[in-house]
Amino acid sequence: MSENGGRSDRPERRVIADAVAARKRAQAVSGLRGWARPGSLPPRSGNGAATGSGATSRHANRPGGEAGAPVGAREALPPGVEACDICGIALPENHRHLLHLVERRIICSCEPCWGMRGGEGDYRPVGTRTVWLPELDLPDEVWAGFQIPIGLAFFMHSTVTACIVAMYPSPAGATESELHFDSWERVCELNPVLRELEPDVEGLIVNRLSDPPVYAIAPIDRCYGLVGAIKATWEGISGGAGVDKAVTRFFDDLRTAAVPA
């Protein structure tokens, strides 16, 4: 006890409080990582919105929406029908997405909510362009400097963290790594097209497992689609043949939707 009769601020209490705060931050950042479940390799439409089961699946166990949409409205929808995360109305398969900047979480949206909330506060419409970059120059020594353990990753400029964030797939979802400015600046010097990468809502997707390596700029929800495809098809310790097929299918679809740089 302290002299005034209050309980002292013991070191173990501060350790527990710090651990709780760190856990809360981790939960906020990981919101987008659980976006996809098995079967979530969404094809793309011309406007950049994901279609199919990819966006639907991440809400399978969520009764309410991003902005508190009524639970009853969601329960009244037929099975398998996606709902707007903001207002709760039914969505077509080909629907819009918003990005929550702080949580880096995809928000499924109807057209009215997309129009009203896009660009408001922490919300941004996801990117719309897919650009194939067959001439991108990424030397082995530069790639090694990123210290990414696999040859698949995507890179985005986060305005919240004010740095380039690299994300690579794993059986559990997306693993994040913040890059040193000098490393990314070297890539931009070699490839000026990357200076046009739109912050938060676009990413550079890299596949160095293929020969030759594959590079493309894509909307951020599409980038997370790669993570979801791997998570959905991973089997055993090494991933299995399903992962290879999912990655091949993903980049085939990406190239079909892309335009040249």
Protein backbone atom coordinates (compact mmCIF):
# COMPACT_ATOMS: atom_id res chain seq x y z
CA MET A 1 0.00 0.00 0.00
CA SER A 2 1.16 3.57 -0.65
CA GLU A 3 1.29 6.28 2.01
CA ASN A 4 -2.14 7.62 0.99
CA GLY A 5 -3.75 4.21 1.37
CA GLY A 6 -3.92 3.45 -2.40
CA ARG A 7 -2.53 0.39 -4.07
CA SER A 8 0.95 0.86 -5.52
CA ASP A 9 1.58 0.64 -9.24
CA ARG A 10 3.45 -2.66 -9.14
CA PRO A 11 5.65 -3.66 -12.10
CA GLU A 12 3.63 -6.80 -12.78
CA ARG A 13 0.46 -4.71 -13.21
CA ARG A 14 2.19 -2.52 -15.80
CA VAL A 15 3.35 -5.64 -17.68
CA ILE A 16 -0.20 -7.00 -17.80
CA ALA A 17 -1.60 -3.65 -18.96
CA ASP A 18 1.01 -3.40 -21.71
CA ALA A 19 0.21 -6.94 -22.87
CA VAL A 20 -3.51 -6.19 -23.06
CA ALA A 21 -2.87 -3.01 -25.08
CA ALA A 22 -0.60 -4.88 -27.49
CA ARG A 23 -3.23 -7.57 -27.97
CA LYS A 24 -5.88 -4.98 -28.84
CA ARG A 25 -3.60 -3.39 -31.44
CA ALA A 26 -2.88 -6.78 -32.98
CA GLN A 27 -6.59 -7.59 -33.21
CA ALA A 28 -7.30 -4.30 -34.99
CA VAL A 29 -4.58 -4.87 -37.58
CA SER A 30 -5.58 -8.51 -38.16
CA GLY A 31 -9.19 -7.70 -39.09
CA LEU A 32 -8.53 -7.83 -42.82
CA ARG A 33 -6.45 -10.97 -42.61
CA GLY A 34 -9.45 -13.18 -41.94
CA TRP A 35 -11.24 -11.89 -45.02
CA ALA A 36 -11.20 -15.07 -47.06
CA ARG A 37 -12.19 -18.70 -46.35
CA PRO A 38 -12.17 -21.84 -48.56
CA GLY A 39 -13.42 -21.08 -52.05
CA SER A 40 -12.48 -17.42 -51.89
CA LEU A 41 -10.63 -16.74 -55.11
CA PRO A 42 -12.84 -13.93 -56.46
CA PRO A 43 -12.89 -13.08 -60.16
CA ARG A 44 -12.82 -9.42 -61.04
CA SER A 45 -15.21 -7.21 -62.86
CA GLY A 46 -14.25 -4.22 -64.94
CA ASN A 47 -14.86 -1.77 -62.10
CA GLY A 48 -12.43 -3.47 -59.75
CA ALA A 49 -15.03 -4.95 -57.38
CA ALA A 50 -14.59 -8.53 -56.27
CA THR A 51 -17.21 -11.05 -57.23
CA GLY A 52 -18.11 -14.56 -56.22
CA SER A 53 -17.64 -16.06 -52.76
CA GLY A 54 -14.50 -14.21 -51.70
CA ALA A 55 -16.08 -11.22 -49.99
CA THR A 56 -19.09 -13.19 -48.78
CA SER A 57 -17.09 -15.73 -46.85
CA ARG A 58 -15.42 -13.41 -44.38
CA HIS A 59 -18.77 -12.57 -42.78
CA ALA A 60 -19.91 -16.14 -42.24
CA ASN A 61 -19.81 -15.77 -38.45
CA ARG A 62 -20.45 -12.03 -38.19
CA PRO A 63 -24.01 -11.10 -37.19
CA GLY A 64 -23.61 -7.35 -37.64
CA GLY A 65 -22.04 -4.93 -40.09
CA GLU A 66 -19.27 -2.38 -39.96
CA ALA A 67 -21.60 0.47 -39.10
CA GLY A 68 -23.99 -1.50 -36.91
CA ALA A 69 -26.36 -2.82 -39.55
CA PRO A 70 -29.35 -4.54 -37.91
CA VAL A 71 -28.79 -8.19 -37.09
CA GLY A 72 -32.33 -9.02 -38.08
CA ALA A 73 -31.80 -7.61 -41.57
CA ARG A 74 -28.90 -9.97 -42.12
CA GLU A 75 -30.72 -13.01 -40.76
CA ALA A 76 -33.62 -12.34 -43.13
CA LEU A 77 -31.41 -12.70 -46.20
CA PRO A 78 -31.37 -16.03 -48.06
CA PRO A 79 -28.38 -18.29 -47.28
CA GLY A 80 -25.28 -17.35 -49.22
CA VAL A 81 -26.46 -13.81 -50.02
CA GLU A 82 -23.95 -11.13 -49.00
CA ALA A 83 -25.08 -8.03 -47.12
CA CYS A 84 -23.74 -4.48 -47.19
CA ASP A 85 -21.49 -3.98 -44.17
CA ILE A 86 -22.83 -0.46 -43.69
CA CYS A 87 -26.60 -0.61 -44.19
CA GLY A 88 -27.28 -4.35 -44.24
CA ILE A 89 -29.17 -4.65 -47.54
CA ALA A 90 -28.57 -7.58 -49.89
CA LEU A 91 -25.69 -7.27 -52.35
CA PRO A 92 -25.20 -8.75 -55.80
CA GLU A 93 -22.16 -10.94 -56.36
CA ASN A 94 -20.54 -8.07 -58.27
CA HIS A 95 -20.47 -5.37 -55.60
CA ARG A 96 -18.23 -2.54 -54.43
CA HIS A 97 -15.56 -2.59 -51.73
CA LEU A 98 -14.27 0.08 -49.38
CA LEU A 99 -11.09 -0.08 -47.32
CA HIS A 100 -10.98 0.90 -43.65
CA LEU A 101 -7.62 2.65 -43.48
CA VAL A 102 -6.72 2.13 -39.83
CA GLU A 103 -7.79 -1.50 -39.59
CA ARG A 104 -6.86 -2.28 -43.23
CA ARG A 105 -10.15 -4.13 -43.51
CA ILE A 106 -12.29 -4.65 -46.60
CA ILE A 107 -15.88 -3.37 -46.33
CA CYS A 108 -18.48 -4.84 -48.70
CA SER A 109 -20.75 -2.01 -49.83
CA CYS A 110 -23.89 -1.31 -51.82
CA GLU A 111 -23.78 1.44 -54.44
CA PRO A 112 -25.45 4.16 -52.28
CA CYS A 113 -23.17 3.51 -49.28
CA TRP A 114 -20.12 3.32 -51.53
CA GLY A 115 -21.02 6.72 -52.96
CA MET A 116 -21.73 8.33 -49.60
CA ARG A 117 -18.92 6.82 -47.53
CA GLY A 118 -16.11 6.54 -50.06
CA GLY A 119 -13.46 9.09 -49.10
CA GLU A 120 -15.18 9.85 -45.78
CA GLY A 121 -13.08 9.59 -42.64
CA ASP A 122 -11.22 6.30 -42.52
CA TYR A 123 -12.96 4.86 -45.60
CA ARG A 124 -11.50 4.73 -49.10
CA PRO A 125 -12.74 3.02 -52.28
CA VAL A 126 -10.36 0.22 -53.25
CA GLY A 127 -8.31 0.71 -56.40
CA THR A 128 -9.75 -0.07 -59.80
CA ARG A 129 -6.78 -0.73 -62.09
CA THR A 130 -4.80 -3.88 -62.75
CA VAL A 131 -1.51 -3.25 -64.56
CA TRP A 132 0.78 -6.01 -65.80
CA LEU A 133 4.49 -5.19 -65.36
CA PRO A 134 6.55 -7.66 -67.41
CA GLU A 135 9.58 -5.34 -67.52
CA LEU A 136 9.76 -4.57 -63.80
CA ASP A 137 13.34 -4.74 -62.53
CA LEU A 138 13.74 -6.30 -59.08
CA PRO A 139 17.29 -7.66 -58.68
CA ASP A 140 17.92 -10.60 -56.37
CA GLU A 141 20.04 -8.54 -53.99
CA VAL A 142 17.28 -5.95 -53.61
CA TRP A 143 14.69 -8.65 -52.98
CA ALA A 144 16.97 -10.27 -50.41
CA GLY A 145 17.09 -6.97 -48.55
CA PHE A 146 13.33 -7.22 -47.92
CA GLN A 147 13.93 -10.36 -45.85
CA ILE A 148 10.71 -11.97 -47.05
CA PRO A 149 10.97 -15.75 -46.58
CA ILE A 150 8.91 -16.76 -49.64
CA GLY A 151 8.67 -15.62 -53.24
CA LEU A 152 5.07 -14.38 -52.99
CA ALA A 153 4.18 -11.00 -51.52
CA PHE A 154 2.43 -7.72 -52.10
CA PHE A 155 3.49 -4.23 -51.15
CA MET A 156 1.32 -1.25 -50.25
CA HIS A 157 1.99 2.31 -49.12
CA SER A 158 0.14 2.79 -45.84
CA THR A 159 -0.67 6.40 -44.99
CA VAL A 160 -1.52 5.30 -41.44
CA THR A 161 1.95 3.91 -40.71
CA ALA A 162 3.65 6.29 -43.19
CA CYS A 163 5.72 3.50 -44.71
CA ILE A 164 5.67 0.68 -47.23
CA VAL A 165 4.16 -2.50 -45.80
CA ALA A 166 5.03 -5.89 -47.31
CA MET A 167 2.55 -8.70 -46.78
CA TYR A 168 3.15 -12.32 -47.67
CA PRO A 169 0.80 -15.31 -47.47
CA SER A 170 0.90 -18.02 -44.84
CA PRO A 171 -1.46 -20.81 -43.75
CA ALA A 172 -2.82 -18.44 -41.08
CA GLY A 173 -3.34 -15.43 -43.38
CA ALA A 174 -1.21 -12.38 -44.15
CA THR A 175 2.09 -11.76 -42.37
CA GLU A 176 3.21 -8.12 -42.29
CA SER A 177 6.65 -6.56 -42.54
CA GLU A 178 7.39 -2.83 -42.64
CA LEU A 179 10.17 -1.99 -45.11
CA HIS A 180 13.01 0.43 -44.66
CA PHE A 181 12.60 3.51 -46.82
CA ASP A 182 15.95 2.99 -48.57
CA SER A 183 14.95 -0.49 -49.74
CA TRP A 184 11.73 0.64 -51.37
CA GLU A 185 13.32 3.80 -52.77
CA ARG A 186 15.84 1.63 -54.60
CA VAL A 187 12.99 -0.32 -56.25
CA CYS A 188 11.30 2.94 -57.28
CA GLU A 189 14.55 4.25 -58.78
CA LEU A 190 14.71 1.15 -60.96
CA ASN A 191 10.97 1.26 -61.72
CA PRO A 192 9.53 4.81 -61.75
CA VAL A 193 6.05 3.40 -62.47
CA LEU A 194 5.86 2.38 -58.81
CA ARG A 195 5.88 6.02 -57.73
CA GLU A 196 2.35 6.14 -59.15
CA LEU A 197 1.14 3.42 -56.78
CA GLU A 198 -1.94 4.84 -55.08
CA PRO A 199 -1.49 4.80 -51.28
CA ASP A 200 -3.59 2.35 -49.26
CA VAL A 201 -5.86 1.14 -52.05
CA GLU A 202 -3.39 -0.40 -54.55
CA GLY A 203 -0.58 -2.89 -54.15
CA LEU A 204 2.34 -4.32 -56.09
CA ILE A 205 1.91 -8.10 -56.30
CA VAL A 206 5.10 -10.14 -56.72
CA ASN A 207 5.43 -13.79 -57.71
CA ARG A 208 9.07 -14.83 -57.81
CA LEU A 209 8.18 -18.51 -57.69
CA SER A 210 7.37 -18.44 -61.39
CA ASP A 211 9.89 -18.35 -64.22
CA PRO A 212 10.10 -15.59 -65.24
CA PRO A 213 8.90 -13.70 -62.14
CA VAL A 214 5.51 -12.01 -62.38
CA TYR A 215 4.70 -8.46 -61.23
CA ALA A 216 1.47 -6.47 -61.33
CA ILE A 217 -0.24 -3.50 -59.73
CA ALA A 218 -3.70 -4.48 -58.48
CA PRO A 219 -6.52 -3.21 -56.22
CA ILE A 220 -5.84 -3.95 -52.58
CA ASP A 221 -8.80 -6.30 -52.23
CA ARG A 222 -7.40 -8.32 -55.10
CA CYS A 223 -4.04 -8.47 -53.32
CA TYR A 224 -5.69 -9.96 -50.27
CA GLY A 225 -7.42 -12.42 -52.59
CA LEU A 226 -4.03 -14.08 -53.11
CA VAL A 227 -3.64 -14.49 -49.36
CA GLY A 228 -7.13 -15.95 -49.12
CA ALA A 229 -6.51 -18.40 -51.95
CA ILE A 230 -3.42 -19.80 -50.25
CA LYS A 231 -5.05 -19.95 -46.83
CA ALA A 232 -8.07 -21.76 -48.30
CA THR A 233 -6.11 -24.44 -50.14
CA TRP A 234 -3.20 -25.06 -47.74
CA GLU A 235 -2.78 -28.67 -46.64
CA GLY A 236 -0.22 -30.28 -44.34
CA ILE A 237 3.19 -28.75 -43.69
CA SER A 238 4.23 -27.77 -47.22
CA GLY A 239 0.85 -26.61 -48.53
CA GLY A 240 0.22 -29.40 -51.02
CA ALA A 241 -0.63 -29.34 -54.72
CA GLY A 242 -3.76 -27.29 -54.11
CA VAL A 243 -1.70 -24.21 -53.26
CA ASP A 244 0.25 -24.39 -56.53
CA LYS A 245 -2.98 -24.66 -58.52
CA ALA A 246 -4.58 -21.78 -56.61
CA VAL A 247 -1.57 -19.51 -57.21
CA THR A 248 -1.48 -20.39 -60.91
CA ARG A 249 -5.21 -19.73 -61.26
CA PHE A 250 -4.92 -16.44 -59.38
CA PHE A 251 -2.21 -15.04 -61.66
CA ASP A 252 -3.93 -16.34 -64.79
CA ASP A 253 -7.07 -14.42 -63.78
CA LEU A 254 -4.99 -11.39 -62.84
CA ARG A 255 -3.29 -11.30 -66.21
CA THR A 256 -6.62 -11.63 -68.02
CA ALA A 257 -7.92 -8.57 -66.19
CA ALA A 258 -4.72 -6.53 -66.54
CA VAL A 259 -3.62 -3.91 -69.03
CA PRO A 260 0.02 -3.30 -70.05
CA ALA A 261 2.04 -0.75 -68.12
